[in-house]
């Protein structure tokens, strides 16, 4: 068993890179704000330009912290799924939880015309989208947990989770077919993902949920290490398979469901970052992997978000596109260079 102290300097470097990525993300944006002024505002000084101060504290800092939570949470949920199912292609979306969140958002956005005609006002707000998406992901999570109590085979559970995702996607397709162009476009924009729409109150709620997911994951480290060698080996070590499986599924549900509800379905990060971490650290020890994927995921998401918002430009690219364009070649290069996958 590898000692986490062996990787002390690697973690110091990662934390330094995280601070740099966070600082760059806060300093850059569509409005040009001098670096020194940004630092002064962050350290509590009042700026003469109140508009700059408003932008920094009500848009850039919440957006940066949201990117950290989204990147860390998705990366960790991807690691949990890949370990539980011992499948390198598993990600945070394999249980259909994010599809459930998308289904909730689709019902609200594309079914809002009926609700508006009945009640006389629009139901579509950032808060209502987050609530309905959370309900959708929670219902799918509840269904997966119910099925998990009946199915002993982990791979069967994986297939059932994918089927839940397919059912949700099919219902979304039907809603899209009958929706008008305006509502369909609104749903498409939501599906691009965004980390820039959260208020401090919403960010606080997202932090609590992600923190609970991380806490459950930390308590599952022994089980995760045992699952890598198979369920029979895990059982021989005294691991309670049913309880551990529930714990990992609930942790993934909290992380992936809440992030999708608040930031939209952001792809690739949860699948790629665990592989990047294993390749760079060359270990399967989860005492090392769990904190490493949290930091790597946060850094990658901050970099992607910085790229989406080009300096001094009002144009914002879809973050889903950037995560795939930036991350996929890196993973391909690492796998070709290493010639084998650490798993």
C-alpha atoms as a PDB file:
ATOM      1  CA  UNK A   1       0.000   0.000   0.000  1.00  0.00           C
ATOM      2  CA  UNK A   2       1.447   3.329  -1.074  1.00  0.00           C
ATOM      3  CA  UNK A   3       1.942   6.078   1.479  1.00  0.00           C
ATOM      4  CA  UNK A   4       0.248   9.390   0.555  1.00  0.00           C
ATOM      5  CA  UNK A   5       3.302  11.182   2.020  1.00  0.00           C
ATOM      6  CA  UNK A   6       5.259   9.938  -1.008  1.00  0.00           C
ATOM      7  CA  UNK A   7       3.206  12.322  -3.138  1.00  0.00           C
ATOM      8  CA  UNK A   8       3.594  15.316  -0.814  1.00  0.00           C
ATOM      9  CA  UNK A   9       5.392  17.489  -3.374  1.00  0.00           C
ATOM     10  CA  UNK A  10       2.977  16.496  -6.128  1.00  0.00           C
ATOM     11  CA  UNK A  11       0.061  17.720  -4.008  1.00  0.00           C
ATOM     12  CA  UNK A  12       1.880  20.959  -3.137  1.00  0.00           C
ATOM     13  CA  UNK A  13       2.400  21.566  -6.859  1.00  0.00           C
ATOM     14  CA  UNK A  14      -1.265  20.774  -7.586  1.00  0.00           C
ATOM     15  CA  UNK A  15      -2.499  23.154  -4.890  1.00  0.00           C
ATOM     16  CA  UNK A  16      -0.234  25.899  -6.240  1.00  0.00           C
ATOM     17  CA  UNK A  17      -1.587  25.261  -9.756  1.00  0.00           C
ATOM     18  CA  UNK A  18      -5.137  25.450  -8.368  1.00  0.00           C
ATOM     19  CA  UNK A  19      -4.438  28.860  -6.786  1.00  0.00           C
ATOM     20  CA  UNK A  20      -2.965  30.131 -10.071  1.00  0.00           C
ATOM     21  CA  UNK A  21      -5.893  28.812 -12.127  1.00  0.00           C
ATOM     22  CA  UNK A  22      -8.368  30.336  -9.656  1.00  0.00           C
ATOM     23  CA  UNK A  23      -6.605  33.719  -9.740  1.00  0.00           C
ATOM     24  CA  UNK A  24      -6.441  33.805 -13.548  1.00  0.00           C
ATOM     25  CA  UNK A  25     -10.101  32.831 -13.816  1.00  0.00           C
ATOM     26  CA  UNK A  26     -11.159  35.680 -11.505  1.00  0.00           C
ATOM     27  CA  UNK A  27      -8.923  38.262 -13.187  1.00  0.00           C
ATOM     28  CA  UNK A  28      -9.973  37.585 -16.799  1.00  0.00           C
ATOM     29  CA  UNK A  29     -13.365  38.312 -18.341  1.00  0.00           C
ATOM     30  CA  UNK A  30     -15.350  40.371 -20.818  1.00  0.00           C
ATOM     31  CA  UNK A  31     -14.668  43.539 -18.802  1.00  0.00           C
ATOM     32  CA  UNK A  32     -11.009  44.519 -18.493  1.00  0.00           C
ATOM     33  CA  UNK A  33     -10.172  44.990 -14.794  1.00  0.00           C
ATOM     34  CA  UNK A  34      -6.530  45.596 -13.762  1.00  0.00           C
ATOM     35  CA  UNK A  35      -4.954  42.693 -11.896  1.00  0.00           C
ATOM     36  CA  UNK A  36      -3.945  44.920  -8.985  1.00  0.00           C
ATOM     37  CA  UNK A  37      -7.495  46.228  -8.621  1.00  0.00           C
ATOM     38  CA  UNK A  38      -8.836  42.669  -8.582  1.00  0.00           C
ATOM     39  CA  UNK A  39      -6.401  41.693  -5.829  1.00  0.00           C
ATOM     40  CA  UNK A  40      -7.269  44.798  -3.810  1.00  0.00           C
ATOM     41  CA  UNK A  41     -10.975  43.925  -3.989  1.00  0.00           C
ATOM     42  CA  UNK A  42     -10.367  40.284  -3.055  1.00  0.00           C
ATOM     43  CA  UNK A  43      -8.351  41.329   0.024  1.00  0.00           C
ATOM     44  CA  UNK A  44     -11.160  43.574   1.252  1.00  0.00           C
ATOM     45  CA  UNK A  45     -10.270  47.016  -0.038  1.00  0.00           C
ATOM     46  CA  UNK A  46     -13.088  49.145  -1.463  1.00  0.00           C
ATOM     47  CA  UNK A  47     -12.553  50.120  -5.106  1.00  0.00           C
ATOM     48  CA  UNK A  48     -13.352  53.560  -6.454  1.00  0.00           C
ATOM     49  CA  UNK A  49     -14.964  51.897  -9.467  1.00  0.00           C
ATOM     50  CA  UNK A  50     -18.042  50.280  -7.919  1.00  0.00           C
ATOM     51  CA  UNK A  51     -18.919  48.544 -11.189  1.00  0.00           C
ATOM     52  CA  UNK A  52     -15.635  46.614 -11.073  1.00  0.00           C
ATOM     53  CA  UNK A  53     -16.269  45.611  -7.468  1.00  0.00           C
ATOM     54  CA  UNK A  54     -19.784  44.410  -8.331  1.00  0.00           C
ATOM     55  CA  UNK A  55     -18.469  42.325 -11.258  1.00  0.00           C
ATOM     56  CA  UNK A  56     -15.729  40.756  -9.144  1.00  0.00           C
ATOM     57  CA  UNK A  57     -17.905  39.838  -6.138  1.00  0.00           C
ATOM     58  CA  UNK A  58     -21.236  39.062  -7.786  1.00  0.00           C
ATOM     59  CA  UNK A  59     -20.112  37.371 -10.969  1.00  0.00           C
ATOM     60  CA  UNK A  60     -16.445  36.367 -11.231  1.00  0.00           C
ATOM     61  CA  UNK A  61     -15.780  34.961  -7.742  1.00  0.00           C
ATOM     62  CA  UNK A  62     -19.056  32.947  -7.559  1.00  0.00           C
ATOM     63  CA  UNK A  63     -18.353  31.663 -11.093  1.00  0.00           C
ATOM     64  CA  UNK A  64     -14.820  30.600 -10.157  1.00  0.00           C
ATOM     65  CA  UNK A  65     -15.970  28.810  -7.006  1.00  0.00           C
ATOM     66  CA  UNK A  66     -18.762  27.125  -8.964  1.00  0.00           C
ATOM     67  CA  UNK A  67     -16.180  25.866 -11.474  1.00  0.00           C
ATOM     68  CA  UNK A  68     -14.121  24.433  -8.599  1.00  0.00           C
ATOM     69  CA  UNK A  69     -17.124  22.585  -7.133  1.00  0.00           C
ATOM     70  CA  UNK A  70     -18.331  21.339 -10.523  1.00  0.00           C
ATOM     71  CA  UNK A  71     -14.919  20.090 -11.632  1.00  0.00           C
ATOM     72  CA  UNK A  72     -14.109  18.454  -8.305  1.00  0.00           C
ATOM     73  CA  UNK A  73     -17.553  16.871  -7.882  1.00  0.00           C
ATOM     74  CA  UNK A  74     -17.833  15.448 -11.400  1.00  0.00           C
ATOM     75  CA  UNK A  75     -14.278  14.087 -11.296  1.00  0.00           C
ATOM     76  CA  UNK A  76     -14.854  12.355  -7.970  1.00  0.00           C
ATOM     77  CA  UNK A  77     -18.195  10.874  -9.065  1.00  0.00           C
ATOM     78  CA  UNK A  78     -16.469   9.539 -12.209  1.00  0.00           C
ATOM     79  CA  UNK A  79     -13.791   7.888 -10.069  1.00  0.00           C
ATOM     80  CA  UNK A  80     -16.462   6.296  -7.863  1.00  0.00           C
ATOM     81  CA  UNK A  81     -18.321   4.831 -10.836  1.00  0.00           C
ATOM     82  CA  UNK A  82     -15.202   3.539 -12.582  1.00  0.00           C
ATOM     83  CA  UNK A  83     -14.088   1.799  -9.402  1.00  0.00           C
ATOM     84  CA  UNK A  84     -17.497   0.399  -8.441  1.00  0.00           C
ATOM     85  CA  UNK A  85     -18.118  -1.089 -11.882  1.00  0.00           C
ATOM     86  CA  UNK A  86     -14.431  -1.698 -12.670  1.00  0.00           C
ATOM     87  CA  UNK A  87     -15.137  -0.163 -16.054  1.00  0.00           C
ATOM     88  CA  UNK A  88     -12.856   2.530 -17.539  1.00  0.00           C
ATOM     89  CA  UNK A  89     -15.762   3.906 -19.608  1.00  0.00           C
ATOM     90  CA  UNK A  90     -18.020   4.482 -16.618  1.00  0.00           C
ATOM     91  CA  UNK A  91     -18.684   8.087 -15.659  1.00  0.00           C
ATOM     92  CA  UNK A  92     -20.928  10.100 -13.353  1.00  0.00           C
ATOM     93  CA  UNK A  93     -23.830   9.752 -15.796  1.00  0.00           C
ATOM     94  CA  UNK A  94     -23.984   5.937 -16.085  1.00  0.00           C
ATOM     95  CA  UNK A  95     -26.713   5.571 -13.437  1.00  0.00           C
ATOM     96  CA  UNK A  96     -29.057   7.877 -15.347  1.00  0.00           C
ATOM     97  CA  UNK A  97     -29.003  10.454 -12.528  1.00  0.00           C
ATOM     98  CA  UNK A  98     -27.963  13.336 -14.767  1.00  0.00           C
ATOM     99  CA  UNK A  99     -30.497  12.194 -17.362  1.00  0.00           C
ATOM    100  CA  UNK A 100     -33.133  12.508 -14.655  1.00  0.00           C
ATOM    101  CA  UNK A 101     -32.012  16.072 -13.994  1.00  0.00           C
ATOM    102  CA  UNK A 102     -32.203  16.819 -17.735  1.00  0.00           C
ATOM    103  CA  UNK A 103     -35.684  15.319 -17.833  1.00  0.00           C
ATOM    104  CA  UNK A 104     -36.820  17.605 -15.013  1.00  0.00           C
ATOM    105  CA  UNK A 105     -35.407  20.629 -16.819  1.00  0.00           C
ATOM    106  CA  UNK A 106     -37.054  19.520 -20.080  1.00  0.00           C
ATOM    107  CA  UNK A 107     -40.442  19.201 -18.391  1.00  0.00           C
ATOM    108  CA  UNK A 108     -40.152  22.703 -16.960  1.00  0.00           C
ATOM    109  CA  UNK A 109     -38.779  24.426 -20.070  1.00  0.00           C
ATOM    110  CA  UNK A 110     -40.734  22.666 -22.793  1.00  0.00           C
ATOM    111  CA  UNK A 111     -43.881  22.204 -20.739  1.00  0.00           C
ATOM    112  CA  UNK A 112     -43.890  25.759 -19.415  1.00  0.00           C
ATOM    113  CA  UNK A 113     -46.291  27.007 -22.098  1.00  0.00           C
ATOM    114  CA  UNK A 114     -49.093  24.913 -20.596  1.00  0.00           C
ATOM    115  CA  UNK A 115     -48.255  26.020 -17.049  1.00  0.00           C
ATOM    116  CA  UNK A 116     -48.083  29.673 -18.085  1.00  0.00           C
ATOM    117  CA  UNK A 117     -51.486  29.513 -19.783  1.00  0.00           C
ATOM    118  CA  UNK A 118     -53.023  27.910 -16.678  1.00  0.00           C
ATOM    119  CA  UNK A 119     -51.502  30.186 -14.019  1.00  0.00           C
ATOM    120  CA  UNK A 120     -50.794  33.350 -15.993  1.00  0.00           C
ATOM    121  CA  UNK A 121     -47.059  33.691 -15.226  1.00  0.00           C
ATOM    122  CA  UNK A 122     -43.815  32.009 -16.240  1.00  0.00           C
ATOM    123  CA  UNK A 123     -42.311  29.344 -14.016  1.00  0.00           C
ATOM    124  CA  UNK A 124     -38.866  29.364 -15.652  1.00  0.00           C
ATOM    125  CA  UNK A 125     -36.214  30.879 -13.391  1.00  0.00           C
ATOM    126  CA  UNK A 126     -32.722  29.731 -12.402  1.00  0.00           C
ATOM    127  CA  UNK A 127     -34.062  28.619  -9.015  1.00  0.00           C
ATOM    128  CA  UNK A 128     -37.033  26.702 -10.417  1.00  0.00           C
ATOM    129  CA  UNK A 129     -34.771  24.966 -12.964  1.00  0.00           C
ATOM    130  CA  UNK A 130     -32.420  23.860 -10.183  1.00  0.00           C
ATOM    131  CA  UNK A 131     -35.322  22.617  -8.035  1.00  0.00           C
ATOM    132  CA  UNK A 132     -37.036  20.664 -10.817  1.00  0.00           C
ATOM    133  CA  UNK A 133     -33.729  19.214 -12.043  1.00  0.00           C
ATOM    134  CA  UNK A 134     -32.888  18.147  -8.489  1.00  0.00           C
ATOM    135  CA  UNK A 135     -36.278  16.424  -8.168  1.00  0.00           C
ATOM    136  CA  UNK A 136     -35.670  14.599 -11.454  1.00  0.00           C
ATOM    137  CA  UNK A 137     -32.229  13.370 -10.413  1.00  0.00           C
ATOM    138  CA  UNK A 138     -33.522  12.396  -6.943  1.00  0.00           C
ATOM    139  CA  UNK A 139     -36.368  10.305  -8.408  1.00  0.00           C
ATOM    140  CA  UNK A 140     -33.967   8.442 -10.698  1.00  0.00           C
ATOM    141  CA  UNK A 141     -31.540   7.952  -7.785  1.00  0.00           C
ATOM    142  CA  UNK A 142     -34.402   6.556  -5.696  1.00  0.00           C
ATOM    143  CA  UNK A 143     -35.279   4.147  -8.505  1.00  0.00           C
ATOM    144  CA  UNK A 144     -31.641   3.032  -8.854  1.00  0.00           C
ATOM    145  CA  UNK A 145     -31.344   2.441  -5.081  1.00  0.00           C
ATOM    146  CA  UNK A 146     -34.561   0.417  -5.139  1.00  0.00           C
ATOM    147  CA  UNK A 147     -33.232  -1.720  -7.987  1.00  0.00           C
ATOM    148  CA  UNK A 148     -29.849  -2.070  -6.241  1.00  0.00           C
ATOM    149  CA  UNK A 149     -31.597  -3.774  -3.313  1.00  0.00           C
ATOM    150  CA  UNK A 150     -32.956  -6.428  -5.699  1.00  0.00           C
ATOM    151  CA  UNK A 151     -29.882  -6.927  -7.927  1.00  0.00           C
ATOM    152  CA  UNK A 152     -26.700  -8.476  -6.565  1.00  0.00           C
ATOM    153  CA  UNK A 153     -24.638  -8.251  -9.755  1.00  0.00           C
ATOM    154  CA  UNK A 154     -22.851  -4.905 -10.120  1.00  0.00           C
ATOM    155  CA  UNK A 155     -22.682  -5.136 -13.909  1.00  0.00           C
ATOM    156  CA  UNK A 156     -26.443  -5.737 -14.061  1.00  0.00           C
ATOM    157  CA  UNK A 157     -26.889  -2.575 -12.015  1.00  0.00           C
ATOM    158  CA  UNK A 158     -24.718  -0.712 -14.540  1.00  0.00           C
ATOM    159  CA  UNK A 159     -26.925  -1.861 -17.415  1.00  0.00           C
ATOM    160  CA  UNK A 160     -30.100  -0.956 -15.496  1.00  0.00           C
ATOM    161  CA  UNK A 161     -28.680   2.507 -14.795  1.00  0.00           C
ATOM    162  CA  UNK A 162     -27.981   2.979 -18.494  1.00  0.00           C
ATOM    163  CA  UNK A 163     -31.566   1.908 -19.248  1.00  0.00           C
ATOM    164  CA  UNK A 164     -32.906   4.551 -16.851  1.00  0.00           C
ATOM    165  CA  UNK A 165     -30.802   7.077 -18.740  1.00  0.00           C
ATOM    166  CA  UNK A 166     -32.181   5.846 -22.068  1.00  0.00           C
ATOM    167  CA  UNK A 167     -35.777   6.116 -20.848  1.00  0.00           C
ATOM    168  CA  UNK A 168     -35.177   9.670 -19.628  1.00  0.00           C
ATOM    169  CA  UNK A 169     -33.487  10.617 -22.908  1.00  0.00           C
ATOM    170  CA  UNK A 170     -36.393   9.132 -24.878  1.00  0.00           C
ATOM    171  CA  UNK A 171     -38.951  11.198 -22.935  1.00  0.00           C
ATOM    172  CA  UNK A 172     -36.830  14.321 -23.505  1.00  0.00           C
ATOM    173  CA  UNK A 173     -36.817  13.527 -27.242  1.00  0.00           C
ATOM    174  CA  UNK A 174     -40.609  13.272 -27.283  1.00  0.00           C
ATOM    175  CA  UNK A 175     -40.929  16.588 -25.440  1.00  0.00           C
ATOM    176  CA  UNK A 176     -38.484  18.162 -27.889  1.00  0.00           C
ATOM    177  CA  UNK A 177     -40.483  16.893 -30.874  1.00  0.00           C
ATOM    178  CA  UNK A 178     -43.685  18.579 -29.668  1.00  0.00           C
ATOM    179  CA  UNK A 179     -41.987  21.727 -28.369  1.00  0.00           C
ATOM    180  CA  UNK A 180     -41.865  25.022 -30.251  1.00  0.00           C
ATOM    181  CA  UNK A 181     -38.585  26.437 -31.581  1.00  0.00           C
ATOM    182  CA  UNK A 182     -38.162  28.998 -28.764  1.00  0.00           C
ATOM    183  CA  UNK A 183     -38.529  26.483 -25.934  1.00  0.00           C
ATOM    184  CA  UNK A 184     -36.381  23.949 -27.738  1.00  0.00           C
ATOM    185  CA  UNK A 185     -33.634  26.520 -28.164  1.00  0.00           C
ATOM    186  CA  UNK A 186     -33.864  27.401 -24.466  1.00  0.00           C
ATOM    187  CA  UNK A 187     -33.432  23.752 -23.498  1.00  0.00           C
ATOM    188  CA  UNK A 188     -30.483  23.377 -25.880  1.00  0.00           C
ATOM    189  CA  UNK A 189     -28.787  26.395 -24.272  1.00  0.00           C
ATOM    190  CA  UNK A 190     -29.332  24.835 -20.833  1.00  0.00           C
ATOM    191  CA  UNK A 191     -27.802  21.564 -22.071  1.00  0.00           C
ATOM    192  CA  UNK A 192     -24.598  23.418 -23.045  1.00  0.00           C
ATOM    193  CA  UNK A 193     -23.816  23.795 -19.336  1.00  0.00           C
ATOM    194  CA  UNK A 194     -22.751  26.934 -17.487  1.00  0.00           C
ATOM    195  CA  UNK A 195     -20.995  27.809 -14.238  1.00  0.00           C
ATOM    196  CA  UNK A 196     -21.817  31.508 -14.368  1.00  0.00           C
ATOM    197  CA  UNK A 197     -25.470  31.644 -13.331  1.00  0.00           C
ATOM    198  CA  UNK A 198     -25.336  30.931  -9.586  1.00  0.00           C
ATOM    199  CA  UNK A 199     -25.972  33.430  -6.821  1.00  0.00           C
ATOM    200  CA  UNK A 200     -24.108  33.221  -3.512  1.00  0.00           C
ATOM    201  CA  UNK A 201     -27.152  31.526  -1.951  1.00  0.00           C
ATOM    202  CA  UNK A 202     -27.297  28.853  -4.672  1.00  0.00           C
ATOM    203  CA  UNK A 203     -23.524  28.410  -4.484  1.00  0.00           C
ATOM    204  CA  UNK A 204     -23.803  27.795  -0.739  1.00  0.00           C
ATOM    205  CA  UNK A 205     -26.431  25.108  -1.282  1.00  0.00           C
ATOM    206  CA  UNK A 206     -24.330  23.451  -4.005  1.00  0.00           C
ATOM    207  CA  UNK A 207     -21.294  23.502  -1.676  1.00  0.00           C
ATOM    208  CA  UNK A 208     -23.217  21.725   1.104  1.00  0.00           C
ATOM    209  CA  UNK A 209     -24.407  18.956  -1.231  1.00  0.00           C
ATOM    210  CA  UNK A 210     -20.992  18.477  -2.859  1.00  0.00           C
ATOM    211  CA  UNK A 211     -19.338  18.448   0.576  1.00  0.00           C
ATOM    212  CA  UNK A 212     -21.715  15.674   1.717  1.00  0.00           C
ATOM    213  CA  UNK A 213     -20.871  13.686  -1.425  1.00  0.00           C
ATOM    214  CA  UNK A 214     -17.143  14.102  -0.791  1.00  0.00           C
ATOM    215  CA  UNK A 215     -17.581  13.076   2.852  1.00  0.00           C
ATOM    216  CA  UNK A 216     -19.388   9.873   1.853  1.00  0.00           C
ATOM    217  CA  UNK A 217     -16.628   9.169  -0.671  1.00  0.00           C
ATOM    218  CA  UNK A 218     -13.923   9.550   1.982  1.00  0.00           C
ATOM    219  CA  UNK A 219     -15.759   7.057   4.217  1.00  0.00           C
ATOM    220  CA  UNK A 220     -15.847   4.655   1.234  1.00  0.00           C
ATOM    221  CA  UNK A 221     -12.099   4.643   0.507  1.00  0.00           C
ATOM    222  CA  UNK A 222     -11.486   1.224   2.075  1.00  0.00           C
ATOM    223  CA  UNK A 223     -14.390  -0.264   0.106  1.00  0.00           C
ATOM    224  CA  UNK A 224     -13.203   1.381  -3.131  1.00  0.00           C
ATOM    225  CA  UNK A 225      -9.739  -0.149  -2.782  1.00  0.00           C
ATOM    226  CA  UNK A 226     -11.294  -3.543  -2.118  1.00  0.00           C
ATOM    227  CA  UNK A 227     -13.722  -3.319  -5.079  1.00  0.00           C
ATOM    228  CA  UNK A 228     -10.761  -2.991  -7.472  1.00  0.00           C
ATOM    229  CA  UNK A 229      -9.870  -6.643  -6.805  1.00  0.00           C
ATOM    230  CA  UNK A 230     -13.433  -7.904  -7.142  1.00  0.00           C
ATOM    231  CA  UNK A 231     -16.477  -8.299  -4.939  1.00  0.00           C
ATOM    232  CA  UNK A 232     -15.408 -11.693  -3.585  1.00  0.00           C
ATOM    233  CA  UNK A 233     -12.086 -10.249  -2.410  1.00  0.00           C
ATOM    234  CA  UNK A 234     -13.879  -7.254  -0.911  1.00  0.00           C
ATOM    235  CA  UNK A 235     -16.216  -9.584   0.956  1.00  0.00           C
ATOM    236  CA  UNK A 236     -13.267 -11.562   2.299  1.00  0.00           C
ATOM    237  CA  UNK A 237     -11.874  -8.331   3.757  1.00  0.00           C
ATOM    238  CA  UNK A 238     -15.089  -7.822   5.707  1.00  0.00           C
ATOM    239  CA  UNK A 239     -16.548  -5.146   3.444  1.00  0.00           C
ATOM    240  CA  UNK A 240     -20.341  -4.954   3.594  1.00  0.00           C
ATOM    241  CA  UNK A 241     -21.045  -5.044  -0.142  1.00  0.00           C
ATOM    242  CA  UNK A 242     -24.659  -3.840  -0.007  1.00  0.00           C
ATOM    243  CA  UNK A 243     -23.985  -0.961   2.363  1.00  0.00           C
ATOM    244  CA  UNK A 244     -20.844   0.074   0.460  1.00  0.00           C
ATOM    245  CA  UNK A 245     -22.673  -0.022  -2.869  1.00  0.00           C
ATOM    246  CA  UNK A 246     -25.487   2.127  -1.454  1.00  0.00           C
ATOM    247  CA  UNK A 247     -22.967   4.573  -0.016  1.00  0.00           C
ATOM    248  CA  UNK A 248     -21.115   4.951  -3.335  1.00  0.00           C
ATOM    249  CA  UNK A 249     -24.349   5.295  -5.329  1.00  0.00           C
ATOM    250  CA  UNK A 250     -25.727   7.946  -2.955  1.00  0.00           C
ATOM    251  CA  UNK A 251     -22.423   9.868  -3.055  1.00  0.00           C
ATOM    252  CA  UNK A 252     -22.477   9.804  -6.866  1.00  0.00           C
ATOM    253  CA  UNK A 253     -26.132  10.820  -6.894  1.00  0.00           C
ATOM    254  CA  UNK A 254     -25.488  13.798  -4.636  1.00  0.00           C
ATOM    255  CA  UNK A 255     -22.492  14.960  -6.668  1.00  0.00           C
ATOM    256  CA  UNK A 256     -23.707  14.382 -10.227  1.00  0.00           C
ATOM    257  CA  UNK A 257     -27.353  15.220  -9.546  1.00  0.00           C
ATOM    258  CA  UNK A 258     -26.725  18.520  -7.759  1.00  0.00           C
ATOM    259  CA  UNK A 259     -24.091  19.664 -10.250  1.00  0.00           C
ATOM    260  CA  UNK A 260     -26.333  18.891 -13.227  1.00  0.00           C
ATOM    261  CA  UNK A 261     -29.226  20.654 -11.536  1.00  0.00           C
ATOM    262  CA  UNK A 262     -27.260  23.847 -10.900  1.00  0.00           C
ATOM    263  CA  UNK A 263     -24.790  23.920 -13.803  1.00  0.00           C
ATOM    264  CA  UNK A 264     -26.343  21.751 -16.507  1.00  0.00           C
ATOM    265  CA  UNK A 265     -25.064  18.452 -17.943  1.00  0.00           C
ATOM    266  CA  UNK A 266     -21.327  19.055 -18.279  1.00  0.00           C
ATOM    267  CA  UNK A 267     -19.676  16.203 -20.140  1.00  0.00           C
ATOM    268  CA  UNK A 268     -16.224  14.609 -20.307  1.00  0.00           C
ATOM    269  CA  UNK A 269     -14.759  15.885 -17.000  1.00  0.00           C
ATOM    270  CA  UNK A 270     -16.034  12.967 -14.898  1.00  0.00           C
ATOM    271  CA  UNK A 271     -14.837  10.417 -17.451  1.00  0.00           C
ATOM    272  CA  UNK A 272     -11.421  11.893 -18.240  1.00  0.00           C
ATOM    273  CA  UNK A 273     -10.004  13.300 -14.994  1.00  0.00           C
ATOM    274  CA  UNK A 274      -9.790   9.939 -13.121  1.00  0.00           C
ATOM    275  CA  UNK A 275      -7.780   8.521 -16.047  1.00  0.00           C
ATOM    276  CA  UNK A 276      -5.535  11.585 -16.170  1.00  0.00           C
ATOM    277  CA  UNK A 277      -4.919  11.269 -12.437  1.00  0.00           C
ATOM    278  CA  UNK A 278      -4.096   7.560 -12.601  1.00  0.00           C
ATOM    279  CA  UNK A 279      -1.706   8.112 -15.502  1.00  0.00           C
ATOM    280  CA  UNK A 280       0.154  10.955 -13.796  1.00  0.00           C
ATOM    281  CA  UNK A 281       0.233   9.490 -10.267  1.00  0.00           C
ATOM    282  CA  UNK A 282       0.583   5.876 -11.478  1.00  0.00           C
ATOM    283  CA  UNK A 283      -1.411   4.462  -8.572  1.00  0.00           C
ATOM    284  CA  UNK A 284      -4.765   2.858  -7.795  1.00  0.00           C
ATOM    285  CA  UNK A 285      -4.695   3.746  -4.073  1.00  0.00           C
ATOM    286  CA  UNK A 286      -7.834   5.774  -3.351  1.00  0.00           C
ATOM    287  CA  UNK A 287      -6.304   7.585  -0.395  1.00  0.00           C
ATOM    288  CA  UNK A 288      -4.207   9.300  -3.071  1.00  0.00           C
ATOM    289  CA  UNK A 289      -6.697   9.291  -5.953  1.00  0.00           C
ATOM    290  CA  UNK A 290      -9.637  10.889  -4.119  1.00  0.00           C
ATOM    291  CA  UNK A 291      -7.885  14.158  -3.162  1.00  0.00           C
ATOM    292  CA  UNK A 292      -5.942  14.162  -6.446  1.00  0.00           C
ATOM    293  CA  UNK A 293      -9.031  13.950  -8.686  1.00  0.00           C
ATOM    294  CA  UNK A 294     -10.721  16.673  -6.630  1.00  0.00           C
ATOM    295  CA  UNK A 295      -7.842  19.077  -7.303  1.00  0.00           C
ATOM    296  CA  UNK A 296      -7.262  17.998 -10.918  1.00  0.00           C
ATOM    297  CA  UNK A 297     -10.969  18.329 -11.695  1.00  0.00           C
ATOM    298  CA  UNK A 298     -11.130  21.803 -10.178  1.00  0.00           C
ATOM    299  CA  UNK A 299      -8.062  22.942 -12.153  1.00  0.00           C
ATOM    300  CA  UNK A 300      -9.363  21.538 -15.450  1.00  0.00           C
ATOM    301  CA  UNK A 301     -12.764  23.157 -14.975  1.00  0.00           C
ATOM    302  CA  UNK A 302     -11.220  26.526 -14.124  1.00  0.00           C
ATOM    303  CA  UNK A 303      -9.048  26.379 -17.245  1.00  0.00           C
ATOM    304  CA  UNK A 304     -12.020  25.412 -19.428  1.00  0.00           C
ATOM    305  CA  UNK A 305     -14.164  28.191 -17.963  1.00  0.00           C
ATOM    306  CA  UNK A 306     -11.379  30.737 -18.503  1.00  0.00           C
ATOM    307  CA  UNK A 307     -11.181  29.715 -22.168  1.00  0.00           C
ATOM    308  CA  UNK A 308     -14.952  29.990 -22.648  1.00  0.00           C
ATOM    309  CA  UNK A 309     -14.870  33.644 -21.616  1.00  0.00           C
ATOM    310  CA  UNK A 310     -12.250  35.245 -23.851  1.00  0.00           C
ATOM    311  CA  UNK A 311     -10.703  38.405 -22.344  1.00  0.00           C
ATOM    312  CA  UNK A 312     -12.372  41.665 -23.417  1.00  0.00           C
ATOM    313  CA  UNK A 313     -14.962  39.769 -25.454  1.00  0.00           C
ATOM    314  CA  UNK A 314     -18.692  39.466 -24.831  1.00  0.00           C
ATOM    315  CA  UNK A 315     -18.804  36.075 -26.573  1.00  0.00           C
ATOM    316  CA  UNK A 316     -19.056  33.025 -24.295  1.00  0.00           C
ATOM    317  CA  UNK A 317     -18.451  29.557 -25.735  1.00  0.00           C
ATOM    318  CA  UNK A 318     -20.409  26.487 -24.521  1.00  0.00           C
ATOM    319  CA  UNK A 319     -18.369  24.965 -21.718  1.00  0.00           C
ATOM    320  CA  UNK A 320     -19.324  21.426 -22.821  1.00  0.00           C
ATOM    321  CA  UNK A 321     -17.521  21.981 -26.104  1.00  0.00           C
ATOM    322  CA  UNK A 322     -14.397  23.336 -24.412  1.00  0.00           C
ATOM    323  CA  UNK A 323     -14.125  20.468 -21.898  1.00  0.00           C
ATOM    324  CA  UNK A 324     -14.149  17.917 -24.719  1.00  0.00           C
ATOM    325  CA  UNK A 325     -11.930  19.835 -27.153  1.00  0.00           C
ATOM    326  CA  UNK A 326      -9.329  20.540 -24.472  1.00  0.00           C
ATOM    327  CA  UNK A 327      -9.464  17.279 -22.555  1.00  0.00           C
ATOM    328  CA  UNK A 328      -9.850  14.534 -25.169  1.00  0.00           C
ATOM    329  CA  UNK A 329      -6.497  15.094 -26.942  1.00  0.00           C
ATOM    330  CA  UNK A 330      -4.709  15.176 -23.575  1.00  0.00           C
ATOM    331  CA  UNK A 331      -6.174  11.797 -22.565  1.00  0.00           C
ATOM    332  CA  UNK A 332      -5.350  10.290 -25.986  1.00  0.00           C
ATOM    333  CA  UNK A 333      -1.758  11.582 -25.751  1.00  0.00           C
ATOM    334  CA  UNK A 334      -1.286  10.234 -22.229  1.00  0.00           C
ATOM    335  CA  UNK A 335      -2.658   6.785 -23.125  1.00  0.00           C
ATOM    336  CA  UNK A 336      -0.491   6.568 -26.256  1.00  0.00           C
ATOM    337  CA  UNK A 337       2.563   7.716 -24.293  1.00  0.00           C
ATOM    338  CA  UNK A 338       1.992   5.291 -21.414  1.00  0.00           C
ATOM    339  CA  UNK A 339       0.898   2.490 -23.807  1.00  0.00           C
ATOM    340  CA  UNK A 340      -1.395   1.036 -21.162  1.00  0.00           C
ATOM    341  CA  UNK A 341      -4.187   2.140 -18.860  1.00  0.00           C
ATOM    342  CA  UNK A 342      -3.602   2.155 -15.128  1.00  0.00           C
ATOM    343  CA  UNK A 343      -6.716   0.669 -13.536  1.00  0.00           C
END
